[in-house]
């Protein structure tokens, strides 16, 4: 069953896939998305960003503000950077609402849509992932090398067939995994290291 338990997910990846980066230098960046219908029948959106298994930002469709959840994040992101994240959250909401409705036209049983994507990085390489679940069950996975969708259930097959025709969108998803995610990881790693160093010097760490 597809559940958002990042430390378990990372551990399973490292055990099951022998080509994943491993060692003490492993860092992970993961973003989790959830779309569901509220009792009033309106779509709701939640986004959670995690760095090394720790929640660093959260956003939802009520606020559309990507809120920092760690001290080092609060102190190292500028107001301009936070405003940009707020805009990105709104864009992700619109994107996932559209994908939810698109998927529902193909698979009418969709009630809850979950997605997690990100990258696991170390000196030995990068492993990227983009996995989807419907109603709590594994549904689709995007091949970060093949740029193709693989169905994980019978209901997902028509969705995979349709989405594999979307070359431009699939390239955007691939680019996130191979460019955007590693670059964001490097930025976060540098910001955290800078904050730790400055805090140690001032005795506030």
N, C-alpha and C. Protein backbone atom coordinates (compact mmCIF):
# COMPACT_ATOMS: atom_id res chain seq x y z
N UNK A 1 0.84 -1.20 0.00
CA UNK A 1 0.00 0.00 0.00
C UNK A 1 0.88 1.24 0.00
N UNK A 2 0.46 2.24 -0.77
CA UNK A 2 1.20 3.49 -0.91
C UNK A 2 0.92 4.36 0.31
N UNK A 3 1.94 4.62 1.13
CA UNK A 3 1.79 5.50 2.28
C UNK A 3 2.98 6.43 2.35
N UNK A 4 2.78 7.62 2.90
CA UNK A 4 3.85 8.60 3.00
C UNK A 4 4.64 8.37 4.28
N UNK A 5 5.58 7.46 4.24
CA UNK A 5 6.50 7.23 5.35
C UNK A 5 7.90 7.29 4.77
N UNK A 6 8.43 8.50 4.67
CA UNK A 6 9.66 8.73 3.93
C UNK A 6 10.85 7.92 4.41
N UNK A 7 11.16 7.86 5.71
CA UNK A 7 12.33 7.08 6.12
C UNK A 7 12.23 5.62 5.69
N UNK A 8 11.03 5.03 5.79
CA UNK A 8 10.85 3.64 5.37
C UNK A 8 11.03 3.53 3.87
N UNK A 9 10.48 4.48 3.14
CA UNK A 9 10.59 4.49 1.68
C UNK A 9 12.04 4.54 1.24
N UNK A 10 12.82 5.42 1.84
CA UNK A 10 14.22 5.54 1.48
C UNK A 10 14.97 4.25 1.79
N UNK A 11 14.70 3.68 2.96
CA UNK A 11 15.38 2.45 3.35
C UNK A 11 15.07 1.33 2.36
N UNK A 12 13.79 1.20 1.98
CA UNK A 12 13.42 0.15 1.05
C UNK A 12 14.09 0.34 -0.30
N UNK A 13 14.18 1.58 -0.74
CA UNK A 13 14.85 1.86 -2.02
C UNK A 13 16.30 1.41 -1.98
N UNK A 14 16.99 1.73 -0.89
CA UNK A 14 18.40 1.40 -0.78
C UNK A 14 18.62 -0.11 -0.72
N UNK A 15 17.64 -0.83 -0.13
CA UNK A 15 17.78 -2.28 -0.01
C UNK A 15 17.41 -2.99 -1.30
N UNK A 16 16.31 -2.56 -1.92
CA UNK A 16 15.79 -3.28 -3.07
C UNK A 16 16.58 -3.00 -4.34
N UNK A 17 17.05 -1.76 -4.52
CA UNK A 17 17.72 -1.40 -5.75
C UNK A 17 19.22 -1.28 -5.50
N UNK A 18 20.02 -2.24 -5.97
CA UNK A 18 21.45 -2.25 -5.67
C UNK A 18 22.23 -1.12 -6.30
N UNK A 19 21.69 -0.48 -7.34
CA UNK A 19 22.42 0.57 -8.02
C UNK A 19 22.19 1.95 -7.42
N UNK A 20 21.42 2.02 -6.34
CA UNK A 20 21.19 3.31 -5.71
C UNK A 20 22.46 3.80 -5.02
N UNK A 21 22.62 5.14 -4.92
CA UNK A 21 23.74 5.65 -4.13
C UNK A 21 23.60 5.20 -2.69
N UNK A 22 24.74 4.90 -2.05
CA UNK A 22 24.66 4.49 -0.65
C UNK A 22 25.85 5.04 0.10
N UNK A 23 25.78 4.95 1.40
CA UNK A 23 26.86 5.47 2.21
C UNK A 23 26.38 6.58 3.10
N UNK A 24 27.29 7.09 3.91
CA UNK A 24 26.92 8.11 4.89
C UNK A 24 26.63 9.46 4.25
N UNK A 25 27.02 9.63 2.97
CA UNK A 25 26.83 10.92 2.32
C UNK A 25 25.49 11.01 1.59
N UNK A 26 24.60 10.06 1.79
CA UNK A 26 23.32 10.06 1.09
C UNK A 26 22.44 11.20 1.58
N UNK A 27 21.86 11.95 0.62
CA UNK A 27 20.89 12.99 0.93
C UNK A 27 19.67 12.78 0.05
N UNK A 28 18.51 13.10 0.59
CA UNK A 28 17.27 12.91 -0.16
C UNK A 28 16.44 14.19 -0.16
N UNK A 29 15.80 14.42 -1.28
CA UNK A 29 14.82 15.50 -1.40
C UNK A 29 13.55 14.88 -1.99
N UNK A 30 12.46 15.04 -1.30
CA UNK A 30 11.19 14.44 -1.74
C UNK A 30 10.07 15.43 -1.56
N UNK A 31 9.16 15.47 -2.54
CA UNK A 31 7.96 16.29 -2.44
C UNK A 31 6.76 15.37 -2.57
N UNK A 32 5.84 15.50 -1.63
CA UNK A 32 4.63 14.66 -1.60
C UNK A 32 3.41 15.53 -1.91
N UNK A 33 2.54 15.00 -2.76
CA UNK A 33 1.32 15.72 -3.15
C UNK A 33 0.11 14.83 -2.86
N UNK A 34 -0.96 15.45 -2.40
CA UNK A 34 -2.22 14.74 -2.19
C UNK A 34 -3.37 15.61 -2.69
N UNK A 35 -4.27 15.00 -3.46
CA UNK A 35 -5.49 15.66 -3.92
C UNK A 35 -6.68 14.80 -3.50
N UNK A 36 -7.68 15.42 -2.92
CA UNK A 36 -8.87 14.68 -2.49
C UNK A 36 -10.07 15.63 -2.46
N UNK A 37 -11.25 15.06 -2.37
CA UNK A 37 -12.46 15.88 -2.29
C UNK A 37 -12.90 16.05 -0.84
N UNK A 38 -13.18 17.28 -0.47
CA UNK A 38 -13.68 17.59 0.87
C UNK A 38 -15.17 17.23 0.93
N UNK A 39 -15.75 17.22 2.14
CA UNK A 39 -17.19 16.93 2.27
C UNK A 39 -18.07 17.86 1.44
N UNK A 40 -17.59 19.08 1.16
CA UNK A 40 -18.37 20.01 0.33
C UNK A 40 -18.16 19.77 -1.16
N UNK A 41 -17.43 18.69 -1.49
CA UNK A 41 -17.18 18.25 -2.86
C UNK A 41 -16.13 19.08 -3.59
N UNK A 42 -15.49 20.00 -2.88
CA UNK A 42 -14.42 20.79 -3.49
C UNK A 42 -13.10 20.04 -3.39
N UNK A 43 -12.29 20.15 -4.44
CA UNK A 43 -10.98 19.52 -4.41
C UNK A 43 -10.07 20.22 -3.43
N UNK A 44 -9.28 19.45 -2.71
CA UNK A 44 -8.31 19.97 -1.76
C UNK A 44 -6.92 19.49 -2.16
N UNK A 45 -5.92 20.30 -1.84
CA UNK A 45 -4.54 20.01 -2.23
C UNK A 45 -3.62 20.16 -1.03
N UNK A 46 -2.70 19.23 -0.89
CA UNK A 46 -1.67 19.31 0.15
C UNK A 46 -0.31 18.99 -0.48
N UNK A 47 0.69 19.74 -0.08
CA UNK A 47 2.05 19.52 -0.56
C UNK A 47 3.01 19.56 0.62
N UNK A 48 3.88 18.57 0.70
CA UNK A 48 4.87 18.48 1.78
C UNK A 48 6.23 18.24 1.17
N UNK A 49 7.20 19.08 1.52
CA UNK A 49 8.57 18.92 1.05
C UNK A 49 9.44 18.41 2.19
N UNK A 50 10.25 17.40 1.89
CA UNK A 50 11.11 16.79 2.91
C UNK A 50 12.56 16.76 2.44
N UNK A 51 13.46 17.06 3.36
CA UNK A 51 14.89 16.97 3.09
C UNK A 51 15.48 16.02 4.12
N UNK A 52 16.04 14.93 3.62
CA UNK A 52 16.57 13.87 4.50
C UNK A 52 15.54 13.37 5.50
N UNK A 53 14.30 13.26 5.03
CA UNK A 53 13.24 12.70 5.86
C UNK A 53 12.57 13.68 6.80
N UNK A 54 13.04 14.93 6.84
CA UNK A 54 12.46 15.93 7.73
C UNK A 54 11.62 16.92 6.92
N UNK A 55 10.44 17.21 7.41
CA UNK A 55 9.56 18.15 6.74
C UNK A 55 10.17 19.55 6.80
N UNK A 56 10.34 20.17 5.64
CA UNK A 56 10.92 21.52 5.60
C UNK A 56 9.93 22.57 5.11
N UNK A 57 8.93 22.16 4.33
CA UNK A 57 7.89 23.08 3.86
C UNK A 57 6.57 22.33 3.78
N UNK A 58 5.48 23.03 4.07
CA UNK A 58 4.14 22.48 3.84
C UNK A 58 3.26 23.55 3.21
N UNK A 59 2.37 23.10 2.35
CA UNK A 59 1.46 24.03 1.67
C UNK A 59 0.13 23.32 1.45
N UNK A 60 -0.96 24.06 1.45
CA UNK A 60 -2.26 23.46 1.14
C UNK A 60 -3.11 24.46 0.38
N UNK A 61 -4.24 23.97 -0.12
CA UNK A 61 -5.08 24.80 -0.98
C UNK A 61 -5.80 25.91 -0.23
N UNK A 62 -5.83 25.84 1.11
CA UNK A 62 -6.47 26.91 1.88
C UNK A 62 -5.58 28.15 1.92
N UNK A 63 -4.29 27.95 2.15
CA UNK A 63 -3.39 29.10 2.31
C UNK A 63 -2.58 29.41 1.07
N UNK A 64 -2.22 28.37 0.30
CA UNK A 64 -1.34 28.51 -0.86
C UNK A 64 -0.04 29.21 -0.49
N UNK A 65 0.38 29.01 0.75
CA UNK A 65 1.65 29.56 1.24
C UNK A 65 2.54 28.39 1.65
N UNK A 66 3.71 28.29 1.03
CA UNK A 66 4.63 27.20 1.34
C UNK A 66 5.38 27.56 2.62
N UNK A 67 4.90 27.08 3.75
CA UNK A 67 5.38 27.50 5.06
C UNK A 67 6.62 26.73 5.49
N UNK A 68 7.69 27.43 5.93
CA UNK A 68 8.88 26.76 6.46
C UNK A 68 8.55 26.00 7.74
N UNK A 69 9.16 24.83 7.91
CA UNK A 69 8.89 24.00 9.09
C UNK A 69 10.16 23.64 9.86
N UNK A 70 11.28 24.26 9.51
CA UNK A 70 12.53 24.05 10.24
C UNK A 70 13.18 25.41 10.47
N UNK A 71 13.85 25.56 11.60
CA UNK A 71 14.50 26.84 11.91
C UNK A 71 15.49 27.24 10.84
N UNK A 72 16.29 26.29 10.37
CA UNK A 72 17.31 26.64 9.38
C UNK A 72 16.69 27.09 8.07
N UNK A 73 15.51 26.57 7.76
CA UNK A 73 14.81 27.00 6.55
C UNK A 73 14.30 28.43 6.73
N UNK A 74 13.70 28.69 7.88
CA UNK A 74 13.17 30.02 8.17
C UNK A 74 14.25 31.08 8.09
N UNK A 75 15.45 30.76 8.58
CA UNK A 75 16.51 31.75 8.67
C UNK A 75 17.36 31.87 7.40
N UNK A 76 17.25 30.93 6.49
CA UNK A 76 18.12 30.98 5.31
C UNK A 76 17.40 31.32 4.01
N UNK A 77 16.08 31.28 4.00
CA UNK A 77 15.33 31.64 2.79
C UNK A 77 14.92 33.10 2.86
N UNK A 78 15.20 33.84 1.79
CA UNK A 78 14.82 35.25 1.72
C UNK A 78 13.32 35.37 1.45
N UNK A 79 12.78 36.56 1.66
CA UNK A 79 11.37 36.80 1.37
C UNK A 79 11.06 36.58 -0.10
N UNK A 80 12.01 36.95 -0.96
CA UNK A 80 11.82 36.74 -2.40
C UNK A 80 11.74 35.25 -2.72
N UNK A 81 12.60 34.46 -2.08
CA UNK A 81 12.58 33.02 -2.31
C UNK A 81 11.29 32.40 -1.80
N UNK A 82 10.82 32.87 -0.66
CA UNK A 82 9.57 32.34 -0.11
C UNK A 82 8.38 32.71 -0.99
N UNK A 83 8.37 33.94 -1.51
CA UNK A 83 7.30 34.35 -2.41
C UNK A 83 7.28 33.48 -3.66
N UNK A 84 8.46 33.14 -4.15
CA UNK A 84 8.55 32.27 -5.33
C UNK A 84 7.99 30.89 -5.02
N UNK A 85 8.25 30.40 -3.82
CA UNK A 85 7.72 29.10 -3.42
C UNK A 85 6.19 29.15 -3.29
N UNK A 86 5.66 30.26 -2.81
CA UNK A 86 4.21 30.41 -2.73
C UNK A 86 3.58 30.30 -4.13
N UNK A 87 4.21 30.98 -5.10
CA UNK A 87 3.71 30.92 -6.48
C UNK A 87 3.79 29.50 -7.03
N UNK A 88 4.89 28.83 -6.72
CA UNK A 88 5.06 27.46 -7.19
C UNK A 88 4.00 26.54 -6.58
N UNK A 89 3.66 26.78 -5.33
CA UNK A 89 2.63 25.96 -4.68
C UNK A 89 1.29 26.11 -5.40
N UNK A 90 0.96 27.34 -5.75
CA UNK A 90 -0.29 27.57 -6.47
C UNK A 90 -0.27 26.86 -7.82
N UNK A 91 0.88 26.92 -8.49
CA UNK A 91 1.00 26.24 -9.77
C UNK A 91 0.88 24.74 -9.64
N UNK A 92 1.48 24.18 -8.58
CA UNK A 92 1.39 22.74 -8.35
C UNK A 92 -0.05 22.33 -8.03
N UNK A 93 -0.74 23.18 -7.29
CA UNK A 93 -2.16 22.88 -7.00
C UNK A 93 -2.95 22.78 -8.29
N UNK A 94 -2.80 23.78 -9.16
CA UNK A 94 -3.54 23.78 -10.43
C UNK A 94 -3.16 22.57 -11.28
N UNK A 95 -1.87 22.26 -11.30
CA UNK A 95 -1.39 21.12 -12.08
C UNK A 95 -2.02 19.81 -11.60
N UNK A 96 -2.02 19.60 -10.29
CA UNK A 96 -2.51 18.33 -9.76
C UNK A 96 -4.04 18.26 -9.76
N UNK A 97 -4.71 19.39 -9.65
CA UNK A 97 -6.17 19.38 -9.84
C UNK A 97 -6.50 18.92 -11.26
N UNK A 98 -5.76 19.46 -12.24
CA UNK A 98 -6.00 19.09 -13.64
C UNK A 98 -5.69 17.62 -13.88
N UNK A 99 -4.60 17.13 -13.30
CA UNK A 99 -4.24 15.73 -13.47
C UNK A 99 -5.26 14.81 -12.79
N UNK A 100 -5.78 15.25 -11.65
CA UNK A 100 -6.82 14.48 -10.95
C UNK A 100 -8.05 14.33 -11.84
N UNK A 101 -8.50 15.44 -12.42
CA UNK A 101 -9.70 15.41 -13.25
C UNK A 101 -9.44 14.61 -14.53
N UNK A 102 -8.24 14.75 -15.08
CA UNK A 102 -7.89 14.00 -16.28
C UNK A 102 -7.90 12.50 -16.00
N UNK A 103 -7.32 12.14 -14.84
CA UNK A 103 -7.27 10.73 -14.47
C UNK A 103 -8.68 10.20 -14.20
N UNK A 104 -9.53 11.04 -13.64
CA UNK A 104 -10.89 10.59 -13.30
C UNK A 104 -11.71 10.30 -14.55
N UNK A 105 -11.41 10.98 -15.66
CA UNK A 105 -12.14 10.69 -16.90
C UNK A 105 -11.76 9.33 -17.46
N UNK A 106 -10.57 8.83 -17.06
CA UNK A 106 -10.12 7.52 -17.54
C UNK A 106 -10.42 6.44 -16.51
N UNK A 107 -10.20 6.76 -15.24
CA UNK A 107 -10.44 5.81 -14.14
C UNK A 107 -11.39 6.47 -13.15
N UNK A 108 -12.68 6.19 -13.28
CA UNK A 108 -13.70 6.93 -12.54
C UNK A 108 -13.66 6.70 -11.04
N UNK A 109 -12.91 5.69 -10.60
CA UNK A 109 -12.91 5.36 -9.17
C UNK A 109 -11.96 6.23 -8.35
N UNK A 110 -11.32 7.22 -8.96
CA UNK A 110 -10.35 8.04 -8.24
C UNK A 110 -11.06 8.88 -7.18
N UNK A 111 -10.64 8.72 -5.93
CA UNK A 111 -11.15 9.55 -4.84
C UNK A 111 -10.01 10.32 -4.17
N UNK A 112 -8.87 9.66 -4.02
CA UNK A 112 -7.68 10.29 -3.44
C UNK A 112 -6.50 10.01 -4.35
N UNK A 113 -5.81 11.07 -4.74
CA UNK A 113 -4.62 10.95 -5.58
C UNK A 113 -3.40 11.36 -4.77
N UNK A 114 -2.40 10.49 -4.75
CA UNK A 114 -1.15 10.79 -4.05
C UNK A 114 0.02 10.66 -5.02
N UNK A 115 1.00 11.48 -4.79
CA UNK A 115 2.21 11.44 -5.63
C UNK A 115 3.41 11.79 -4.78
N UNK A 116 4.51 11.15 -5.06
CA UNK A 116 5.77 11.57 -4.44
C UNK A 116 6.85 11.48 -5.50
N UNK A 117 7.65 12.52 -5.53
CA UNK A 117 8.75 12.54 -6.49
C UNK A 117 9.95 13.21 -5.84
N UNK A 118 11.12 12.86 -6.32
CA UNK A 118 12.32 13.44 -5.74
C UNK A 118 13.56 12.74 -6.20
N UNK A 119 14.62 12.92 -5.42
CA UNK A 119 15.91 12.35 -5.79
C UNK A 119 16.70 11.97 -4.54
N UNK A 120 17.42 10.88 -4.66
CA UNK A 120 18.34 10.41 -3.63
C UNK A 120 19.74 10.58 -4.20
N UNK A 121 20.57 11.36 -3.52
CA UNK A 121 21.85 11.78 -4.09
C UNK A 121 23.01 11.45 -3.15
N UNK A 122 24.09 10.97 -3.74
CA UNK A 122 25.34 10.78 -3.00
C UNK A 122 26.49 10.95 -3.98
N UNK A 123 27.70 10.82 -3.50
CA UNK A 123 28.86 10.96 -4.36
C UNK A 123 28.93 9.88 -5.43
N UNK A 124 28.18 8.81 -5.24
CA UNK A 124 28.22 7.71 -6.21
C UNK A 124 27.11 7.77 -7.25
N UNK A 125 26.22 8.73 -7.14
CA UNK A 125 25.19 8.84 -8.16
C UNK A 125 23.88 9.40 -7.67
N UNK A 126 22.91 9.38 -8.58
CA UNK A 126 21.58 9.93 -8.32
C UNK A 126 20.52 8.89 -8.67
N UNK A 127 19.55 8.72 -7.78
CA UNK A 127 18.38 7.90 -8.08
C UNK A 127 17.16 8.81 -7.97
N UNK A 128 16.38 8.89 -9.06
CA UNK A 128 15.20 9.74 -9.08
C UNK A 128 13.94 8.88 -9.10
N UNK A 129 12.87 9.41 -8.55
CA UNK A 129 11.62 8.65 -8.50
C UNK A 129 10.42 9.58 -8.64
N UNK A 130 9.37 9.04 -9.24
CA UNK A 130 8.09 9.75 -9.39
C UNK A 130 7.00 8.68 -9.38
N UNK A 131 6.34 8.53 -8.24
CA UNK A 131 5.37 7.45 -8.05
C UNK A 131 4.00 8.01 -7.67
N UNK A 132 2.98 7.33 -8.15
CA UNK A 132 1.60 7.78 -7.96
C UNK A 132 0.77 6.68 -7.32
N UNK A 133 -0.20 7.08 -6.52
CA UNK A 133 -1.14 6.13 -5.92
C UNK A 133 -2.55 6.68 -6.04
N UNK A 134 -3.50 5.77 -6.14
CA UNK A 134 -4.92 6.14 -6.19
C UNK A 134 -5.65 5.37 -5.10
N UNK A 135 -6.37 6.10 -4.28
CA UNK A 135 -7.14 5.49 -3.18
C UNK A 135 -6.26 4.63 -2.28
N UNK A 136 -5.01 5.07 -2.08
CA UNK A 136 -4.12 4.38 -1.16
C UNK A 136 -3.39 3.20 -1.75
N UNK A 137 -3.57 2.92 -3.06
CA UNK A 137 -2.93 1.77 -3.68
C UNK A 137 -1.97 2.24 -4.77
N UNK A 138 -0.83 1.53 -4.90
CA UNK A 138 0.13 1.84 -5.95
C UNK A 138 -0.57 1.87 -7.30
N UNK A 139 -0.23 2.88 -8.12
CA UNK A 139 -0.97 3.08 -9.37
C UNK A 139 -0.05 3.20 -10.58
N UNK A 140 0.83 4.18 -10.56
CA UNK A 140 1.72 4.44 -11.69
C UNK A 140 3.12 4.78 -11.20
N UNK A 141 4.11 4.50 -12.03
CA UNK A 141 5.45 4.99 -11.76
C UNK A 141 6.06 5.49 -13.06
N UNK A 142 6.84 6.57 -12.96
CA UNK A 142 7.46 7.19 -14.13
C UNK A 142 8.92 6.78 -14.19
N UNK A 143 9.33 6.21 -15.31
CA UNK A 143 10.71 5.78 -15.47
C UNK A 143 11.63 6.97 -15.71
N UNK A 144 12.51 7.24 -14.76
CA UNK A 144 13.36 8.43 -14.88
C UNK A 144 14.41 8.28 -15.97
N UNK A 145 14.60 7.10 -16.49
CA UNK A 145 15.51 6.89 -17.61
C UNK A 145 14.75 6.68 -18.92
N UNK A 146 13.66 5.94 -18.86
CA UNK A 146 12.89 5.64 -20.07
C UNK A 146 11.91 6.74 -20.45
N UNK A 147 11.55 7.59 -19.49
CA UNK A 147 10.52 8.63 -19.68
C UNK A 147 9.17 8.00 -20.02
N UNK A 148 8.91 6.82 -19.53
CA UNK A 148 7.65 6.14 -19.80
C UNK A 148 6.95 5.78 -18.49
N UNK A 149 5.62 5.73 -18.58
CA UNK A 149 4.81 5.37 -17.43
C UNK A 149 4.58 3.87 -17.39
N UNK A 150 4.70 3.30 -16.20
CA UNK A 150 4.45 1.88 -16.01
C UNK A 150 3.26 1.71 -15.07
N UNK A 151 2.22 1.01 -15.50
CA UNK A 151 1.06 0.79 -14.62
C UNK A 151 1.40 -0.21 -13.52
N UNK A 152 0.92 0.06 -12.33
CA UNK A 152 1.13 -0.83 -11.19
C UNK A 152 -0.16 -1.53 -10.78
N UNK A 153 -1.22 -1.29 -11.54
CA UNK A 153 -2.49 -1.99 -11.33
C UNK A 153 -3.21 -2.05 -12.66
N UNK A 154 -4.19 -2.92 -12.75
CA UNK A 154 -4.96 -3.07 -13.99
C UNK A 154 -5.66 -1.76 -14.35
N UNK A 155 -6.20 -1.07 -13.35
CA UNK A 155 -6.90 0.18 -13.59
C UNK A 155 -5.98 1.26 -14.13
N UNK A 156 -4.69 1.14 -13.87
CA UNK A 156 -3.74 2.16 -14.31
C UNK A 156 -3.32 2.01 -15.76
N UNK A 157 -3.58 0.87 -16.36
CA UNK A 157 -3.11 0.61 -17.72
C UNK A 157 -3.59 1.65 -18.73
N UNK A 158 -4.89 1.98 -18.79
CA UNK A 158 -5.32 2.99 -19.76
C UNK A 158 -4.72 4.37 -19.49
N UNK A 159 -4.48 4.68 -18.23
CA UNK A 159 -3.86 5.96 -17.89
C UNK A 159 -2.42 5.99 -18.39
N UNK A 160 -1.68 4.90 -18.17
CA UNK A 160 -0.29 4.82 -18.63
C UNK A 160 -0.22 4.95 -20.14
N UNK A 161 -1.12 4.28 -20.85
CA UNK A 161 -1.15 4.35 -22.31
C UNK A 161 -1.36 5.79 -22.77
N UNK A 162 -2.31 6.47 -22.15
CA UNK A 162 -2.61 7.85 -22.52
C UNK A 162 -1.46 8.79 -22.17
N UNK A 163 -0.92 8.65 -20.97
CA UNK A 163 0.14 9.55 -20.53
C UNK A 163 1.44 9.33 -21.29
N UNK A 164 1.67 8.14 -21.79
CA UNK A 164 2.88 7.89 -22.57
C UNK A 164 2.87 8.62 -23.91
N UNK A 165 1.71 9.15 -24.29
CA UNK A 165 1.61 9.94 -25.52
C UNK A 165 1.98 11.40 -25.29
N UNK A 166 2.08 11.80 -24.02
CA UNK A 166 2.32 13.20 -23.68
C UNK A 166 3.82 13.49 -23.60
N UNK A 167 4.46 13.58 -24.76
CA UNK A 167 5.92 13.70 -24.80
C UNK A 167 6.43 14.97 -24.12
N UNK A 168 5.75 16.08 -24.36
CA UNK A 168 6.23 17.35 -23.79
C UNK A 168 6.12 17.32 -22.27
N UNK A 169 4.97 16.89 -21.77
CA UNK A 169 4.80 16.82 -20.31
C UNK A 169 5.77 15.83 -19.69
N UNK A 170 5.98 14.71 -20.34
CA UNK A 170 6.91 13.71 -19.82
C UNK A 170 8.33 14.25 -19.79
N UNK A 171 8.67 15.08 -20.76
CA UNK A 171 10.00 15.69 -20.74
C UNK A 171 10.13 16.65 -19.55
N UNK A 172 9.06 17.38 -19.26
CA UNK A 172 9.07 18.29 -18.10
C UNK A 172 9.26 17.50 -16.81
N UNK A 173 8.55 16.39 -16.68
CA UNK A 173 8.70 15.55 -15.49
C UNK A 173 10.11 14.99 -15.40
N UNK A 174 10.65 14.55 -16.53
CA UNK A 174 12.02 14.01 -16.56
C UNK A 174 13.02 15.09 -16.18
N UNK A 175 12.82 16.31 -16.69
CA UNK A 175 13.74 17.41 -16.40
C UNK A 175 13.73 17.74 -14.91
N UNK A 176 12.57 17.66 -14.28
CA UNK A 176 12.52 17.90 -12.83
C UNK A 176 13.40 16.90 -12.10
N UNK A 177 13.29 15.64 -12.46
CA UNK A 177 14.02 14.59 -11.76
C UNK A 177 15.52 14.71 -11.96
N UNK A 178 15.94 15.13 -13.16
CA UNK A 178 17.36 15.12 -13.48
C UNK A 178 18.04 16.49 -13.34
N UNK A 179 17.27 17.56 -13.33
CA UNK A 179 17.87 18.89 -13.24
C UNK A 179 17.36 19.67 -12.03
N UNK A 180 16.06 19.86 -11.96
CA UNK A 180 15.48 20.71 -10.91
C UNK A 180 15.71 20.12 -9.53
N UNK A 181 15.43 18.84 -9.36
CA UNK A 181 15.57 18.22 -8.04
C UNK A 181 17.02 18.22 -7.55
N UNK A 182 17.99 17.78 -8.36
CA UNK A 182 19.38 17.83 -7.89
C UNK A 182 19.85 19.25 -7.56
N UNK A 183 19.43 20.22 -8.38
CA UNK A 183 19.82 21.61 -8.11
C UNK A 183 19.20 22.12 -6.82
N UNK A 184 17.92 21.79 -6.60
CA UNK A 184 17.26 22.19 -5.35
C UNK A 184 17.91 21.52 -4.16
N UNK A 185 18.28 20.26 -4.33
CA UNK A 185 18.99 19.53 -3.27
C UNK A 185 20.28 20.24 -2.90
N UNK A 186 21.06 20.64 -3.90
CA UNK A 186 22.34 21.31 -3.65
C UNK A 186 22.13 22.63 -2.91
N UNK A 187 21.08 23.36 -3.30
CA UNK A 187 20.78 24.63 -2.64
C UNK A 187 20.42 24.41 -1.18
N UNK A 188 19.57 23.44 -0.90
CA UNK A 188 19.17 23.14 0.47
C UNK A 188 20.35 22.68 1.31
N UNK A 189 21.17 21.84 0.74
CA UNK A 189 22.33 21.33 1.46
C UNK A 189 23.28 22.47 1.84
N UNK A 190 23.49 23.40 0.90
CA UNK A 190 24.36 24.55 1.16
C UNK A 190 23.75 25.47 2.21
N UNK A 191 22.46 25.75 2.10
CA UNK A 191 21.80 26.62 3.07
C UNK A 191 21.89 26.04 4.48
N UNK A 192 21.64 24.75 4.60
CA UNK A 192 21.68 24.13 5.93
C UNK A 192 23.10 24.14 6.49
N UNK A 193 24.09 23.84 5.66
CA UNK A 193 25.48 23.84 6.12
C UNK A 193 25.91 25.24 6.55
N UNK A 194 25.48 26.25 5.80
CA UNK A 194 25.80 27.64 6.15
C UNK A 194 25.17 28.02 7.48
N UNK A 195 23.91 27.64 7.67
CA UNK A 195 23.22 27.96 8.92
C UNK A 195 23.89 27.27 10.10
N UNK A 196 24.27 26.00 9.95
CA UNK A 196 24.93 25.27 11.03
C UNK A 196 26.26 25.94 11.38
N UNK A 197 27.01 26.33 10.37
CA UNK A 197 28.31 26.97 10.60
C UNK A 197 28.15 28.31 11.30
N UNK A 198 27.21 29.12 10.84
CA UNK A 198 27.00 30.43 11.45
C UNK A 198 26.45 30.29 12.87
N UNK A 199 25.58 29.32 13.09
CA UNK A 199 25.02 29.11 14.42
C UNK A 199 26.09 28.64 15.40
N UNK A 200 27.00 27.80 14.91
CA UNK A 200 28.09 27.32 15.76
C UNK A 200 29.01 28.47 16.16
N UNK A 201 29.24 29.39 15.23
CA UNK A 201 30.13 30.52 15.52
C UNK A 201 29.52 31.49 16.51
N UNK A 202 28.19 31.62 16.46
CA UNK A 202 27.52 32.56 17.37
C UNK A 202 27.04 31.90 18.65
N UNK A 203 27.19 30.57 18.71
CA UNK A 203 26.77 29.85 19.90
C UNK A 203 25.29 29.63 20.00
N UNK A 204 24.58 29.79 18.86
CA UNK A 204 23.12 29.63 18.87
C UNK A 204 22.67 28.27 18.38
N UNK A 205 23.61 27.42 18.04
CA UNK A 205 23.24 26.11 17.49
C UNK A 205 22.99 25.12 18.61
